């Protein structure tokens, strides 16, 4: 089951911006996101703007369509982000 809450379709891609408390936290998220991306062999475009990270993706092998793999990766990123925002 996928959870792409807070993701939008923009220009044929799934896109979401994540906000962080600090630059270091944003970069840590990027680093951990890279590991997830490698494990699924699917890599988003990443844009860092100080305390925010924007990820966008589509499946290049499928003529740039948004596929189940994009939704799966978005779900993984949402779960990772929850680790940053969960106060427990």
C-alpha atoms as a PDB file:
ATOM      1  CA  UNK A   1       0.000   0.000   0.000  1.00  0.00           C
ATOM      2  CA  UNK A   2       1.343   3.425  -0.890  1.00  0.00           C
ATOM      3  CA  UNK A   3       0.934   6.729   0.873  1.00  0.00           C
ATOM      4  CA  UNK A   4       1.603   9.734  -1.317  1.00  0.00           C
ATOM      5  CA  UNK A   5      -0.135  12.252   0.947  1.00  0.00           C
ATOM      6  CA  UNK A   6       1.254  15.751   0.470  1.00  0.00           C
ATOM      7  CA  UNK A   7       2.770  14.872  -2.910  1.00  0.00           C
ATOM      8  CA  UNK A   8       1.564  16.770  -5.967  1.00  0.00           C
ATOM      9  CA  UNK A   9       1.724  16.036  -9.659  1.00  0.00           C
ATOM     10  CA  UNK A  10       3.576  18.882 -11.342  1.00  0.00           C
ATOM     11  CA  UNK A  11       4.883  18.806 -14.882  1.00  0.00           C
ATOM     12  CA  UNK A  12       4.422  15.050 -15.143  1.00  0.00           C
ATOM     13  CA  UNK A  13       6.324  14.336 -11.903  1.00  0.00           C
ATOM     14  CA  UNK A  14       5.488  13.576  -8.291  1.00  0.00           C
ATOM     15  CA  UNK A  15       6.794  16.493  -6.210  1.00  0.00           C
ATOM     16  CA  UNK A  16       6.996  17.278  -2.510  1.00  0.00           C
ATOM     17  CA  UNK A  17       8.915  19.807  -0.420  1.00  0.00           C
ATOM     18  CA  UNK A  18       9.978  18.771   3.077  1.00  0.00           C
ATOM     19  CA  UNK A  19      10.768  21.369   5.774  1.00  0.00           C
ATOM     20  CA  UNK A  20      13.419  20.893   8.482  1.00  0.00           C
ATOM     21  CA  UNK A  21      14.630  22.658  11.598  1.00  0.00           C
ATOM     22  CA  UNK A  22      18.156  23.149  10.262  1.00  0.00           C
ATOM     23  CA  UNK A  23      20.383  22.797   7.222  1.00  0.00           C
ATOM     24  CA  UNK A  24      22.104  19.796   8.826  1.00  0.00           C
ATOM     25  CA  UNK A  25      18.757  18.009   9.248  1.00  0.00           C
ATOM     26  CA  UNK A  26      17.889  18.720   5.609  1.00  0.00           C
ATOM     27  CA  UNK A  27      21.202  17.273   4.443  1.00  0.00           C
ATOM     28  CA  UNK A  28      20.773  14.258   6.724  1.00  0.00           C
ATOM     29  CA  UNK A  29      17.387  13.630   5.081  1.00  0.00           C
ATOM     30  CA  UNK A  30      19.017  13.835   1.633  1.00  0.00           C
ATOM     31  CA  UNK A  31      21.712  11.381   2.715  1.00  0.00           C
ATOM     32  CA  UNK A  32      19.176   8.875   4.054  1.00  0.00           C
ATOM     33  CA  UNK A  33      16.959   9.394   0.998  1.00  0.00           C
ATOM     34  CA  UNK A  34      19.891   8.436  -1.202  1.00  0.00           C
ATOM     35  CA  UNK A  35      20.148   5.084   0.547  1.00  0.00           C
ATOM     36  CA  UNK A  36      16.456   4.405   0.020  1.00  0.00           C
ATOM     37  CA  UNK A  37      16.751   5.417  -3.626  1.00  0.00           C
ATOM     38  CA  UNK A  38      19.702   3.100  -4.152  1.00  0.00           C
ATOM     39  CA  UNK A  39      17.877   0.174  -2.559  1.00  0.00           C
ATOM     40  CA  UNK A  40      14.976   0.626  -5.009  1.00  0.00           C
ATOM     41  CA  UNK A  41      17.286   1.554  -7.914  1.00  0.00           C
ATOM     42  CA  UNK A  42      15.119   4.622  -8.517  1.00  0.00           C
ATOM     43  CA  UNK A  43      16.508   8.127  -8.081  1.00  0.00           C
ATOM     44  CA  UNK A  44      14.618  11.413  -7.626  1.00  0.00           C
ATOM     45  CA  UNK A  45      15.729  14.886  -8.540  1.00  0.00           C
ATOM     46  CA  UNK A  46      16.829  16.611  -5.330  1.00  0.00           C
ATOM     47  CA  UNK A  47      16.851  20.344  -4.634  1.00  0.00           C
ATOM     48  CA  UNK A  48      18.118  21.709  -1.309  1.00  0.00           C
ATOM     49  CA  UNK A  49      17.285  25.253  -0.233  1.00  0.00           C
ATOM     50  CA  UNK A  50      18.765  25.728   3.238  1.00  0.00           C
ATOM     51  CA  UNK A  51      16.123  24.080   5.494  1.00  0.00           C
ATOM     52  CA  UNK A  52      13.926  22.592   2.794  1.00  0.00           C
ATOM     53  CA  UNK A  53      14.369  19.679   0.417  1.00  0.00           C
ATOM     54  CA  UNK A  54      12.276  19.234  -2.716  1.00  0.00           C
ATOM     55  CA  UNK A  55      12.112  15.799  -4.295  1.00  0.00           C
ATOM     56  CA  UNK A  56      10.608  15.187  -7.718  1.00  0.00           C
ATOM     57  CA  UNK A  57      10.408  11.974  -9.678  1.00  0.00           C
ATOM     58  CA  UNK A  58       9.021  10.052 -12.563  1.00  0.00           C
ATOM     59  CA  UNK A  59      10.110   6.836 -14.232  1.00  0.00           C
ATOM     60  CA  UNK A  60      12.454   7.602 -17.093  1.00  0.00           C
ATOM     61  CA  UNK A  61      12.266   4.010 -18.406  1.00  0.00           C
ATOM     62  CA  UNK A  62       8.499   4.429 -18.826  1.00  0.00           C
ATOM     63  CA  UNK A  63       8.688   7.527 -21.045  1.00  0.00           C
ATOM     64  CA  UNK A  64       8.625   9.790 -18.007  1.00  0.00           C
ATOM     65  CA  UNK A  65       5.333   8.464 -16.634  1.00  0.00           C
ATOM     66  CA  UNK A  66       4.511   8.373 -12.933  1.00  0.00           C
ATOM     67  CA  UNK A  67       4.465   4.690 -12.019  1.00  0.00           C
ATOM     68  CA  UNK A  68       3.911   2.441  -9.007  1.00  0.00           C
ATOM     69  CA  UNK A  69       7.644   2.658  -8.352  1.00  0.00           C
ATOM     70  CA  UNK A  70       7.375   6.442  -7.959  1.00  0.00           C
ATOM     71  CA  UNK A  71       4.489   5.990  -5.524  1.00  0.00           C
ATOM     72  CA  UNK A  72       6.454   3.381  -3.572  1.00  0.00           C
ATOM     73  CA  UNK A  73       9.452   5.694  -3.321  1.00  0.00           C
ATOM     74  CA  UNK A  74       7.225   8.606  -2.252  1.00  0.00           C
ATOM     75  CA  UNK A  75       5.799   6.396   0.506  1.00  0.00           C
ATOM     76  CA  UNK A  76       9.312   5.519   1.678  1.00  0.00           C
ATOM     77  CA  UNK A  77      10.250   9.208   1.770  1.00  0.00           C
ATOM     78  CA  UNK A  78       7.086  10.045   3.734  1.00  0.00           C
ATOM     79  CA  UNK A  79       7.992   7.379   6.302  1.00  0.00           C
ATOM     80  CA  UNK A  80      11.550   8.687   6.537  1.00  0.00           C
ATOM     81  CA  UNK A  81      10.268  12.236   7.037  1.00  0.00           C
ATOM     82  CA  UNK A  82       8.070  10.965   9.857  1.00  0.00           C
ATOM     83  CA  UNK A  83      11.249   9.956  11.677  1.00  0.00           C
ATOM     84  CA  UNK A  84      12.351  13.597  11.564  1.00  0.00           C
ATOM     85  CA  UNK A  85       9.037  15.056  12.732  1.00  0.00           C
ATOM     86  CA  UNK A  86       7.902  12.461  15.299  1.00  0.00           C
ATOM     87  CA  UNK A  87       8.524  13.930  18.774  1.00  0.00           C
ATOM     88  CA  UNK A  88       8.960  10.524  20.447  1.00  0.00           C
END
